[in-house]
Amino acid sequence: MNKLVSSLLSLAFVAGLGGAVAAQEAKPGEAGAAHAEAETPHYPLKHPKLEEWSFAGPFGHYDKAQLQRGLKVYSEVCSACHSMRLVPFRTLEELGYSEAQVKAFAANYKVQDGPNDEGEMFERTAVASDYFPSPYPNAQAAAAANNGAAPPDMSLLAKARGVTRGFPQFVFDMFTQYQEGGPDYIHSLLTGYETAPAGVQVPPGGHYNPYFIAASSLAMPPPLSNDQVTYDDGTPQTLDQYSKDVSAFLMWAAEPHLEARKRTGFMVIVFLLIFTGLIYLTKKSVYASKEHDNAAH
């Protein structure tokens, strides 16, 4: 019996020793994996800066003067590479332009139409019912002209782009109605170009930007600079102002009915509060006249 107990103890000791050795041998690999995970970059390297927008919050509204400046920045700079194929020229009347001004603005663009009587496509001057055209005939031509990366369409860019805010920010966002992630991201990206730090490899034709959502660099060079676009209303002609104005304009392009949606939402909330109060008073009035049967208790 004593020999059996001794044998079992010996086996347990050897097994425990073997497990300890295996654990020691596994530690370097685990440490290496943890180290590699710690070195894996998570993009964006910097989170977008939170800006103040007139359309933020439950009572937000668009600043038409800012949207007009943003249109000017887009048409003079961004439209050279980016299309807005889902935005018709006629909607520019919502920015405060007259019908004649919209027609004159559309006439600055050429659009493809057809086929004609001979079955061929042709170019013509754009009219108000047309959409902002692409500067390239197709996506392949756009990619070839931009270091292999086709510039994205800007119609819905302000809603499609944005950095997910983790806990606990998203909890507060439900109450503050934060929906400006797209404009915040676009503004930070346009103003965030930097010299690549030591140890960071930027591919040929790339430009380092820690706010880029997909990598540490992107093919698009810095598109804006101070005094690049002339403002007629005396607004400062700075990179920061250009970026804010075009970001606001792209938010309008992506959600032109934002103001109506917020007004409707506010009226619905008021209706629900009044309706809840009426239901409560009705219940209290109906059951106040009922005699409760206390015998069952």
C-alpha atoms as a PDB file:
ATOM      1  CA  MET A   1       0.000   0.000   0.000  1.00  0.00           C
ATOM      2  CA  ASN A   2       2.829   2.354   0.927  1.00  0.00           C
ATOM      3  CA  LYS A   3       4.584   1.515  -2.354  1.00  0.00           C
ATOM      4  CA  LEU A   4       1.415   2.332  -4.309  1.00  0.00           C
ATOM      5  CA  VAL A   5       1.088   5.717  -2.595  1.00  0.00           C
ATOM      6  CA  SER A   6       4.745   6.501  -3.231  1.00  0.00           C
ATOM      7  CA  SER A   7       4.372   5.621  -6.908  1.00  0.00           C
ATOM      8  CA  LEU A   8       1.346   7.874  -7.287  1.00  0.00           C
ATOM      9  CA  LEU A   9       3.136  10.754  -5.586  1.00  0.00           C
ATOM     10  CA  SER A  10       6.115  10.308  -7.884  1.00  0.00           C
ATOM     11  CA  LEU A  11       3.918  10.359 -10.966  1.00  0.00           C
ATOM     12  CA  ALA A  12       2.145  13.457  -9.753  1.00  0.00           C
ATOM     13  CA  PHE A  13       5.459  15.197  -9.124  1.00  0.00           C
ATOM     14  CA  VAL A  14       6.780  14.307 -12.573  1.00  0.00           C
ATOM     15  CA  ALA A  15       3.542  15.456 -14.229  1.00  0.00           C
ATOM     16  CA  GLY A  16       3.620  18.703 -12.305  1.00  0.00           C
ATOM     17  CA  LEU A  17       7.255  19.272 -13.196  1.00  0.00           C
ATOM     18  CA  GLY A  18       6.541  18.553 -16.865  1.00  0.00           C
ATOM     19  CA  GLY A  19       3.628  21.004 -16.833  1.00  0.00           C
ATOM     20  CA  ALA A  20       5.792  23.680 -15.276  1.00  0.00           C
ATOM     21  CA  VAL A  21       8.504  23.129 -17.885  1.00  0.00           C
ATOM     22  CA  ALA A  22       5.912  23.258 -20.677  1.00  0.00           C
ATOM     23  CA  ALA A  23       4.504  26.461 -19.226  1.00  0.00           C
ATOM     24  CA  GLN A  24       7.984  27.975 -19.067  1.00  0.00           C
ATOM     25  CA  GLU A  25       8.611  26.978 -22.678  1.00  0.00           C
ATOM     26  CA  ALA A  26       5.282  28.489 -23.770  1.00  0.00           C
ATOM     27  CA  LYS A  27       5.878  31.826 -22.070  1.00  0.00           C
ATOM     28  CA  PRO A  28       8.322  33.199 -24.653  1.00  0.00           C
ATOM     29  CA  GLY A  29       5.853  32.445 -27.453  1.00  0.00           C
ATOM     30  CA  GLU A  30       2.961  33.952 -25.543  1.00  0.00           C
ATOM     31  CA  ALA A  31       5.027  37.000 -24.724  1.00  0.00           C
ATOM     32  CA  GLY A  32       5.972  37.315 -28.389  1.00  0.00           C
ATOM     33  CA  ALA A  33       2.339  37.103 -29.439  1.00  0.00           C
ATOM     34  CA  ALA A  34       1.335  39.694 -26.856  1.00  0.00           C
ATOM     35  CA  HIS A  35       4.208  41.926 -27.980  1.00  0.00           C
ATOM     36  CA  ALA A  36       3.182  41.552 -31.626  1.00  0.00           C
ATOM     37  CA  GLU A  37      -0.401  42.354 -30.739  1.00  0.00           C
ATOM     38  CA  ALA A  38       0.735  45.431 -28.826  1.00  0.00           C
ATOM     39  CA  GLU A  39       2.710  46.582 -31.877  1.00  0.00           C
ATOM     40  CA  THR A  40      -0.185  46.024 -34.315  1.00  0.00           C
ATOM     41  CA  PRO A  41      -1.458  49.499 -35.229  1.00  0.00           C
ATOM     42  CA  HIS A  42      -5.123  50.304 -34.890  1.00  0.00           C
ATOM     43  CA  TYR A  43      -6.376  52.902 -37.329  1.00  0.00           C
ATOM     44  CA  PRO A  44      -6.877  55.735 -37.154  1.00  0.00           C
ATOM     45  CA  LEU A  45      -3.719  56.372 -35.166  1.00  0.00           C
ATOM     46  CA  LYS A  46      -5.349  59.537 -33.819  1.00  0.00           C
ATOM     47  CA  HIS A  47      -9.045  59.950 -33.158  1.00  0.00           C
ATOM     48  CA  PRO A  48     -10.788  62.837 -34.938  1.00  0.00           C
ATOM     49  CA  LYS A  49     -11.045  66.125 -33.120  1.00  0.00           C
ATOM     50  CA  LEU A  50     -14.537  67.104 -32.029  1.00  0.00           C
ATOM     51  CA  GLU A  51     -15.644  70.306 -33.724  1.00  0.00           C
ATOM     52  CA  GLU A  52     -18.619  72.572 -33.103  1.00  0.00           C
ATOM     53  CA  TRP A  53     -21.219  72.353 -35.849  1.00  0.00           C
ATOM     54  CA  SER A  54     -24.376  74.387 -36.309  1.00  0.00           C
ATOM     55  CA  PHE A  55     -26.266  71.203 -37.240  1.00  0.00           C
ATOM     56  CA  ALA A  56     -25.306  69.342 -34.061  1.00  0.00           C
ATOM     57  CA  GLY A  57     -27.815  68.421 -31.363  1.00  0.00           C
ATOM     58  CA  PRO A  58     -31.585  67.923 -31.463  1.00  0.00           C
ATOM     59  CA  PHE A  59     -32.187  71.543 -32.567  1.00  0.00           C
ATOM     60  CA  GLY A  60     -29.316  71.792 -35.037  1.00  0.00           C
ATOM     61  CA  HIS A  61     -29.650  73.585 -38.366  1.00  0.00           C
ATOM     62  CA  TYR A  62     -27.489  74.208 -41.393  1.00  0.00           C
ATOM     63  CA  ASP A  63     -25.648  77.498 -41.783  1.00  0.00           C
ATOM     64  CA  LYS A  64     -26.417  78.397 -45.402  1.00  0.00           C
ATOM     65  CA  ALA A  65     -23.498  80.817 -45.642  1.00  0.00           C
ATOM     66  CA  GLN A  66     -21.150  78.045 -44.565  1.00  0.00           C
ATOM     67  CA  LEU A  67     -22.714  75.608 -47.027  1.00  0.00           C
ATOM     68  CA  GLN A  68     -22.235  78.093 -49.860  1.00  0.00           C
ATOM     69  CA  ARG A  69     -18.574  78.447 -48.924  1.00  0.00           C
ATOM     70  CA  GLY A  70     -18.265  74.660 -48.753  1.00  0.00           C
ATOM     71  CA  LEU A  71     -19.760  74.370 -52.241  1.00  0.00           C
ATOM     72  CA  LYS A  72     -17.167  76.843 -53.471  1.00  0.00           C
ATOM     73  CA  VAL A  73     -14.349  74.767 -51.966  1.00  0.00           C
ATOM     74  CA  TYR A  74     -15.767  71.577 -53.448  1.00  0.00           C
ATOM     75  CA  SER A  75     -16.314  73.027 -56.930  1.00  0.00           C
ATOM     76  CA  GLU A  76     -12.903  74.720 -57.116  1.00  0.00           C
ATOM     77  CA  VAL A  77     -10.783  72.008 -55.452  1.00  0.00           C
ATOM     78  CA  CYS A  78     -12.472  68.705 -54.634  1.00  0.00           C
ATOM     79  CA  SER A  79     -14.441  68.299 -57.875  1.00  0.00           C
ATOM     80  CA  ALA A  80     -11.166  67.893 -59.780  1.00  0.00           C
ATOM     81  CA  CYS A  81     -10.980  64.349 -58.393  1.00  0.00           C
ATOM     82  CA  HIS A  82     -14.255  63.564 -56.580  1.00  0.00           C
ATOM     83  CA  SER A  83     -17.748  63.218 -57.998  1.00  0.00           C
ATOM     84  CA  MET A  84     -21.122  63.673 -56.291  1.00  0.00           C
ATOM     85  CA  ARG A  85     -23.210  61.558 -58.614  1.00  0.00           C
ATOM     86  CA  LEU A  86     -26.200  61.373 -56.226  1.00  0.00           C
ATOM     87  CA  VAL A  87     -26.598  65.148 -55.800  1.00  0.00           C
ATOM     88  CA  PRO A  88     -28.558  67.047 -58.491  1.00  0.00           C
ATOM     89  CA  PHE A  89     -27.753  70.666 -59.228  1.00  0.00           C
ATOM     90  CA  ARG A  90     -31.365  71.686 -58.588  1.00  0.00           C
ATOM     91  CA  THR A  91     -31.006  70.984 -54.859  1.00  0.00           C
ATOM     92  CA  LEU A  92     -28.588  73.907 -54.578  1.00  0.00           C
ATOM     93  CA  GLU A  93     -31.637  76.159 -54.335  1.00  0.00           C
ATOM     94  CA  GLU A  94     -31.908  74.896 -50.737  1.00  0.00           C
ATOM     95  CA  LEU A  95     -28.628  76.710 -50.022  1.00  0.00           C
ATOM     96  CA  GLY A  96     -30.210  80.055 -50.865  1.00  0.00           C
ATOM     97  CA  TYR A  97     -29.422  80.270 -54.575  1.00  0.00           C
ATOM     98  CA  SER A  98     -31.999  81.386 -57.097  1.00  0.00           C
ATOM     99  CA  GLU A  99     -33.113  79.229 -60.019  1.00  0.00           C
ATOM    100  CA  ALA A 100     -31.108  81.378 -62.420  1.00  0.00           C
ATOM    101  CA  GLN A 101     -27.975  81.053 -60.280  1.00  0.00           C
ATOM    102  CA  VAL A 102     -28.356  77.271 -60.166  1.00  0.00           C
ATOM    103  CA  LYS A 103     -28.716  77.109 -63.951  1.00  0.00           C
ATOM    104  CA  ALA A 104     -25.617  79.268 -64.379  1.00  0.00           C
ATOM    105  CA  PHE A 105     -23.669  77.085 -61.948  1.00  0.00           C
ATOM    106  CA  ALA A 106     -24.712  73.870 -63.710  1.00  0.00           C
ATOM    107  CA  ALA A 107     -23.626  75.343 -67.038  1.00  0.00           C
ATOM    108  CA  ASN A 108     -20.015  75.204 -65.831  1.00  0.00           C
ATOM    109  CA  TYR A 109     -20.084  71.403 -66.126  1.00  0.00           C
ATOM    110  CA  LYS A 110     -20.218  69.007 -69.039  1.00  0.00           C
ATOM    111  CA  VAL A 111     -22.204  65.751 -68.807  1.00  0.00           C
ATOM    112  CA  GLN A 112     -22.414  62.751 -71.071  1.00  0.00           C
ATOM    113  CA  ASP A 113     -25.750  62.153 -72.768  1.00  0.00           C
ATOM    114  CA  GLY A 114     -27.158  60.042 -75.511  1.00  0.00           C
ATOM    115  CA  PRO A 115     -27.279  58.041 -77.543  1.00  0.00           C
ATOM    116  CA  ASN A 116     -28.151  60.436 -80.340  1.00  0.00           C
ATOM    117  CA  ASP A 117     -29.897  59.581 -83.583  1.00  0.00           C
ATOM    118  CA  GLU A 118     -26.693  57.963 -84.806  1.00  0.00           C
ATOM    119  CA  GLY A 119     -26.387  55.788 -81.697  1.00  0.00           C
ATOM    120  CA  GLU A 120     -23.409  57.647 -80.264  1.00  0.00           C
ATOM    121  CA  MET A 121     -22.895  59.195 -76.834  1.00  0.00           C
ATOM    122  CA  PHE A 122     -22.117  62.893 -76.725  1.00  0.00           C
ATOM    123  CA  GLU A 123     -21.277  65.655 -74.265  1.00  0.00           C
ATOM    124  CA  ARG A 124     -23.498  68.606 -73.533  1.00  0.00           C
ATOM    125  CA  THR A 125     -23.712  71.487 -71.073  1.00  0.00           C
ATOM    126  CA  ALA A 126     -25.271  70.418 -67.777  1.00  0.00           C
ATOM    127  CA  VAL A 127     -28.677  71.689 -66.709  1.00  0.00           C
ATOM    128  CA  ALA A 128     -30.264  71.992 -63.273  1.00  0.00           C
ATOM    129  CA  SER A 129     -31.802  68.514 -63.435  1.00  0.00           C
ATOM    130  CA  ASP A 130     -28.393  66.879 -63.984  1.00  0.00           C
ATOM    131  CA  TYR A 131     -26.160  65.516 -61.250  1.00  0.00           C
ATOM    132  CA  PHE A 132     -22.626  66.517 -60.307  1.00  0.00           C
ATOM    133  CA  PRO A 133     -20.525  64.565 -62.833  1.00  0.00           C
ATOM    134  CA  SER A 134     -17.354  62.599 -62.281  1.00  0.00           C
ATOM    135  CA  PRO A 135     -14.131  64.108 -63.613  1.00  0.00           C
ATOM    136  CA  TYR A 136     -13.159  60.648 -64.925  1.00  0.00           C
ATOM    137  CA  PRO A 137     -14.908  58.454 -67.503  1.00  0.00           C
ATOM    138  CA  ASN A 138     -14.729  55.365 -65.263  1.00  0.00           C
ATOM    139  CA  ALA A 139     -13.265  54.009 -62.024  1.00  0.00           C
ATOM    140  CA  GLN A 140     -10.237  52.503 -63.768  1.00  0.00           C
ATOM    141  CA  ALA A 141      -9.269  55.871 -65.236  1.00  0.00           C
ATOM    142  CA  ALA A 142      -9.748  57.497 -61.821  1.00  0.00           C
ATOM    143  CA  ALA A 143      -7.468  54.934 -60.153  1.00  0.00           C
ATOM    144  CA  ALA A 144      -4.817  55.256 -62.873  1.00  0.00           C
ATOM    145  CA  ALA A 145      -4.694  59.025 -62.353  1.00  0.00           C
ATOM    146  CA  ASN A 146      -4.396  58.772 -58.560  1.00  0.00           C
ATOM    147  CA  ASN A 147      -1.627  56.289 -57.749  1.00  0.00           C
ATOM    148  CA  GLY A 148      -3.921  53.300 -58.102  1.00  0.00           C
ATOM    149  CA  ALA A 149      -6.609  54.537 -55.666  1.00  0.00           C
ATOM    150  CA  ALA A 150      -9.860  55.800 -57.190  1.00  0.00           C
ATOM    151  CA  PRO A 151     -11.143  58.867 -55.281  1.00  0.00           C
ATOM    152  CA  PRO A 152     -14.443  58.025 -53.554  1.00  0.00           C
ATOM    153  CA  ASP A 153     -17.701  59.636 -54.550  1.00  0.00           C
ATOM    154  CA  MET A 154     -18.582  62.387 -52.068  1.00  0.00           C
ATOM    155  CA  SER A 155     -22.376  62.148 -52.197  1.00  0.00           C
ATOM    156  CA  LEU A 156     -22.665  60.169 -48.959  1.00  0.00           C
ATOM    157  CA  LEU A 157     -19.125  60.525 -47.674  1.00  0.00           C
ATOM    158  CA  ALA A 158     -20.096  62.397 -44.495  1.00  0.00           C
ATOM    159  CA  LYS A 159     -22.432  59.548 -43.494  1.00  0.00           C
ATOM    160  CA  ALA A 160     -20.314  56.669 -44.769  1.00  0.00           C
ATOM    161  CA  ARG A 161     -17.076  57.754 -43.087  1.00  0.00           C
ATOM    162  CA  GLY A 162     -16.545  58.109 -39.378  1.00  0.00           C
ATOM    163  CA  VAL A 163     -14.744  56.562 -36.430  1.00  0.00           C
ATOM    164  CA  THR A 164     -16.711  54.327 -34.072  1.00  0.00           C
ATOM    165  CA  ARG A 165     -16.732  55.775 -30.581  1.00  0.00           C
ATOM    166  CA  GLY A 166     -16.327  53.141 -27.912  1.00  0.00           C
ATOM    167  CA  PHE A 167     -17.500  52.944 -24.329  1.00  0.00           C
ATOM    168  CA  PRO A 168     -18.452  55.147 -22.565  1.00  0.00           C
ATOM    169  CA  GLN A 169     -18.745  57.776 -25.321  1.00  0.00           C
ATOM    170  CA  PHE A 170     -21.478  55.971 -27.245  1.00  0.00           C
ATOM    171  CA  VAL A 171     -23.647  55.942 -24.107  1.00  0.00           C
ATOM    172  CA  PHE A 172     -23.560  59.736 -23.902  1.00  0.00           C
ATOM    173  CA  ASP A 173     -24.052  59.968 -27.679  1.00  0.00           C
ATOM    174  CA  MET A 174     -27.540  58.501 -27.269  1.00  0.00           C
ATOM    175  CA  PHE A 175     -28.528  61.512 -25.168  1.00  0.00           C
ATOM    176  CA  THR A 176     -26.560  64.217 -26.969  1.00  0.00           C
ATOM    177  CA  GLN A 177     -27.632  62.902 -30.399  1.00  0.00           C
ATOM    178  CA  TYR A 178     -24.033  62.928 -31.641  1.00  0.00           C
ATOM    179  CA  GLN A 179     -24.116  62.267 -35.387  1.00  0.00           C
ATOM    180  CA  GLU A 180     -21.219  64.422 -36.522  1.00  0.00           C
ATOM    181  CA  GLY A 181     -18.638  61.646 -36.747  1.00  0.00           C
ATOM    182  CA  GLY A 182     -18.367  62.039 -40.516  1.00  0.00           C
ATOM    183  CA  PRO A 183     -17.719  65.806 -40.582  1.00  0.00           C
ATOM    184  CA  ASP A 184     -15.337  65.486 -37.619  1.00  0.00           C
ATOM    185  CA  TYR A 185     -13.401  62.795 -39.464  1.00  0.00           C
ATOM    186  CA  ILE A 186     -13.276  64.688 -42.773  1.00  0.00           C
ATOM    187  CA  HIS A 187     -12.110  67.886 -41.076  1.00  0.00           C
ATOM    188  CA  SER A 188      -9.406  66.084 -39.084  1.00  0.00           C
ATOM    189  CA  LEU A 189      -8.225  64.236 -42.184  1.00  0.00           C
ATOM    190  CA  LEU A 190      -7.963  67.394 -44.294  1.00  0.00           C
ATOM    191  CA  THR A 191      -6.022  69.238 -41.593  1.00  0.00           C
ATOM    192  CA  GLY A 192      -4.051  66.244 -40.268  1.00  0.00           C
ATOM    193  CA  TYR A 193      -1.263  65.734 -42.790  1.00  0.00           C
ATOM    194  CA  GLU A 194       2.095  65.450 -41.018  1.00  0.00           C
ATOM    195  CA  THR A 195       5.678  64.452 -41.631  1.00  0.00           C
ATOM    196  CA  ALA A 196       5.996  60.734 -40.994  1.00  0.00           C
ATOM    197  CA  PRO A 197       7.738  60.024 -37.668  1.00  0.00           C
ATOM    198  CA  ALA A 198      10.916  57.977 -37.483  1.00  0.00           C
ATOM    199  CA  GLY A 199      10.361  54.304 -38.147  1.00  0.00           C
ATOM    200  CA  VAL A 200       7.163  54.761 -40.156  1.00  0.00           C
ATOM    201  CA  GLN A 201       7.467  53.656 -43.765  1.00  0.00           C
ATOM    202  CA  VAL A 202       5.361  55.613 -46.249  1.00  0.00           C
ATOM    203  CA  PRO A 203       4.981  53.920 -49.646  1.00  0.00           C
ATOM    204  CA  PRO A 204       5.971  55.805 -52.806  1.00  0.00           C
ATOM    205  CA  GLY A 205       3.258  58.301 -53.684  1.00  0.00           C
ATOM    206  CA  GLY A 206       1.755  58.047 -50.188  1.00  0.00           C
ATOM    207  CA  HIS A 207       1.197  60.819 -47.658  1.00  0.00           C
ATOM    208  CA  TYR A 208       1.308  60.305 -43.898  1.00  0.00           C
ATOM    209  CA  ASN A 209      -1.900  61.167 -42.055  1.00  0.00           C
ATOM    210  CA  PRO A 210      -2.590  59.709 -38.574  1.00  0.00           C
ATOM    211  CA  TYR A 211      -6.311  60.452 -38.911  1.00  0.00           C
ATOM    212  CA  PHE A 212      -6.779  58.200 -41.950  1.00  0.00           C
ATOM    213  CA  ILE A 213      -9.178  55.410 -41.063  1.00  0.00           C
ATOM    214  CA  ALA A 214      -7.566  52.617 -43.106  1.00  0.00           C
ATOM    215  CA  ALA A 215      -3.788  53.065 -42.859  1.00  0.00           C
ATOM    216  CA  SER A 216      -1.074  55.455 -41.756  1.00  0.00           C
ATOM    217  CA  SER A 217      -0.852  57.014 -45.216  1.00  0.00           C
ATOM    218  CA  LEU A 218      -3.084  57.631 -48.204  1.00  0.00           C
ATOM    219  CA  ALA A 219      -2.624  58.359 -51.877  1.00  0.00           C
ATOM    220  CA  MET A 220      -4.361  61.752 -51.769  1.00  0.00           C
ATOM    221  CA  PRO A 221      -1.910  64.619 -51.229  1.00  0.00           C
ATOM    222  CA  PRO A 222      -2.962  67.539 -49.002  1.00  0.00           C
ATOM    223  CA  PRO A 223      -5.723  69.102 -51.128  1.00  0.00           C
ATOM    224  CA  LEU A 224      -6.143  72.403 -49.287  1.00  0.00           C
ATOM    225  CA  SER A 225      -3.868  75.214 -48.185  1.00  0.00           C
ATOM    226  CA  ASN A 226      -4.237  78.770 -46.926  1.00  0.00           C
ATOM    227  CA  ASP A 227      -5.562  81.361 -49.410  1.00  0.00           C
ATOM    228  CA  GLN A 228      -6.318  78.693 -52.004  1.00  0.00           C
ATOM    229  CA  VAL A 229     -10.000  79.639 -52.394  1.00  0.00           C
ATOM    230  CA  THR A 230     -11.255  83.225 -52.390  1.00  0.00           C
ATOM    231  CA  TYR A 231     -14.211  83.945 -50.087  1.00  0.00           C
ATOM    232  CA  ASP A 232     -16.437  86.876 -50.965  1.00  0.00           C
ATOM    233  CA  ASP A 233     -17.946  87.329 -47.491  1.00  0.00           C
ATOM    234  CA  GLY A 234     -14.729  88.133 -45.633  1.00  0.00           C
ATOM    235  CA  THR A 235     -14.436  84.731 -43.911  1.00  0.00           C
ATOM    236  CA  PRO A 236     -10.801  83.816 -43.092  1.00  0.00           C
ATOM    237  CA  GLN A 237      -9.217  81.935 -45.985  1.00  0.00           C
ATOM    238  CA  THR A 238      -7.399  79.343 -43.902  1.00  0.00           C
ATOM    239  CA  LEU A 239      -6.940  75.594 -44.153  1.00  0.00           C
ATOM    240  CA  ASP A 240      -8.989  75.061 -41.014  1.00  0.00           C
ATOM    241  CA  GLN A 241     -11.884  77.175 -42.298  1.00  0.00           C
ATOM    242  CA  TYR A 242     -11.855  75.544 -45.731  1.00  0.00           C
ATOM    243  CA  SER A 243     -11.950  72.119 -44.101  1.00  0.00           C
ATOM    244  CA  LYS A 244     -14.858  73.035 -41.826  1.00  0.00           C
ATOM    245  CA  ASP A 245     -16.867  74.563 -44.656  1.00  0.00           C
ATOM    246  CA  VAL A 246     -16.454  71.669 -47.073  1.00  0.00           C
ATOM    247  CA  SER A 247     -17.145  69.147 -44.271  1.00  0.00           C
ATOM    248  CA  ALA A 248     -20.424  70.928 -43.478  1.00  0.00           C
ATOM    249  CA  PHE A 249     -21.318  71.007 -47.172  1.00  0.00           C
ATOM    250  CA  LEU A 250     -20.686  67.266 -47.491  1.00  0.00           C
ATOM    251  CA  MET A 251     -22.894  66.671 -44.456  1.00  0.00           C
ATOM    252  CA  TRP A 252     -25.685  68.564 -46.204  1.00  0.00           C
ATOM    253  CA  ALA A 253     -25.092  66.599 -49.409  1.00  0.00           C
ATOM    254  CA  ALA A 254     -25.388  63.327 -47.489  1.00  0.00           C
ATOM    255  CA  GLU A 255     -28.414  64.399 -45.430  1.00  0.00           C
ATOM    256  CA  PRO A 256     -30.181  67.404 -46.981  1.00  0.00           C
ATOM    257  CA  HIS A 257     -33.364  66.807 -44.949  1.00  0.00           C
ATOM    258  CA  LEU A 258     -31.630  66.869 -41.552  1.00  0.00           C
ATOM    259  CA  GLU A 259     -33.483  69.947 -40.333  1.00  0.00           C
ATOM    260  CA  ALA A 260     -36.908  68.540 -41.257  1.00  0.00           C
ATOM    261  CA  ARG A 261     -36.042  65.240 -39.604  1.00  0.00           C
ATOM    262  CA  LYS A 262     -35.069  66.937 -36.375  1.00  0.00           C
ATOM    263  CA  ARG A 263     -38.208  69.092 -36.356  1.00  0.00           C
ATOM    264  CA  THR A 264     -40.354  66.019 -36.918  1.00  0.00           C
ATOM    265  CA  GLY A 265     -38.534  64.124 -34.186  1.00  0.00           C
ATOM    266  CA  PHE A 266     -39.072  66.964 -31.724  1.00  0.00           C
ATOM    267  CA  MET A 267     -42.790  67.131 -32.500  1.00  0.00           C
ATOM    268  CA  VAL A 268     -43.082  63.351 -32.084  1.00  0.00           C
ATOM    269  CA  ILE A 269     -41.414  63.516 -28.671  1.00  0.00           C
ATOM    270  CA  VAL A 270     -43.746  66.327 -27.567  1.00  0.00           C
ATOM    271  CA  PHE A 271     -46.762  64.357 -28.825  1.00  0.00           C
ATOM    272  CA  LEU A 272     -45.669  61.224 -26.969  1.00  0.00           C
ATOM    273  CA  LEU A 273     -45.185  63.171 -23.726  1.00  0.00           C
ATOM    274  CA  ILE A 274     -48.646  64.740 -24.012  1.00  0.00           C
ATOM    275  CA  PHE A 275     -50.186  61.406 -24.998  1.00  0.00           C
ATOM    276  CA  THR A 276     -48.543  59.675 -22.027  1.00  0.00           C
ATOM    277  CA  GLY A 277     -49.891  62.347 -19.674  1.00  0.00           C
ATOM    278  CA  LEU A 278     -53.421  61.989 -21.067  1.00  0.00           C
ATOM    279  CA  ILE A 279     -53.283  58.204 -20.726  1.00  0.00           C
ATOM    280  CA  TYR A 280     -52.176  58.538 -17.118  1.00  0.00           C
ATOM    281  CA  LEU A 281     -54.948  61.026 -16.269  1.00  0.00           C
ATOM    282  CA  THR A 282     -57.537  58.842 -18.017  1.00  0.00           C
ATOM    283  CA  LYS A 283     -56.438  55.768 -16.088  1.00  0.00           C
ATOM    284  CA  LYS A 284     -56.496  57.690 -12.822  1.00  0.00           C
ATOM    285  CA  SER A 285     -59.976  59.087 -13.543  1.00  0.00           C
ATOM    286  CA  VAL A 286     -61.464  55.718 -14.563  1.00  0.00           C
ATOM    287  CA  TYR A 287     -60.093  53.673 -11.707  1.00  0.00           C
ATOM    288  CA  ALA A 288     -60.670  56.343  -9.064  1.00  0.00           C
ATOM    289  CA  SER A 289     -64.454  55.700  -9.279  1.00  0.00           C
ATOM    290  CA  LYS A 290     -64.073  51.933  -8.965  1.00  0.00           C
ATOM    291  CA  GLU A 291     -64.724  50.316  -5.573  1.00  0.00           C
ATOM    292  CA  HIS A 292     -61.993  47.871  -4.748  1.00  0.00           C
ATOM    293  CA  ASP A 293     -63.031  44.494  -3.412  1.00  0.00           C
ATOM    294  CA  ASN A 294     -61.011  44.129  -0.221  1.00  0.00           C
ATOM    295  CA  ALA A 295     -62.727  40.885   0.744  1.00  0.00           C
ATOM    296  CA  ALA A 296     -60.393  38.915  -1.432  1.00  0.00           C
ATOM    297  CA  HIS A 297     -57.492  40.216   0.566  1.00  0.00           C
END
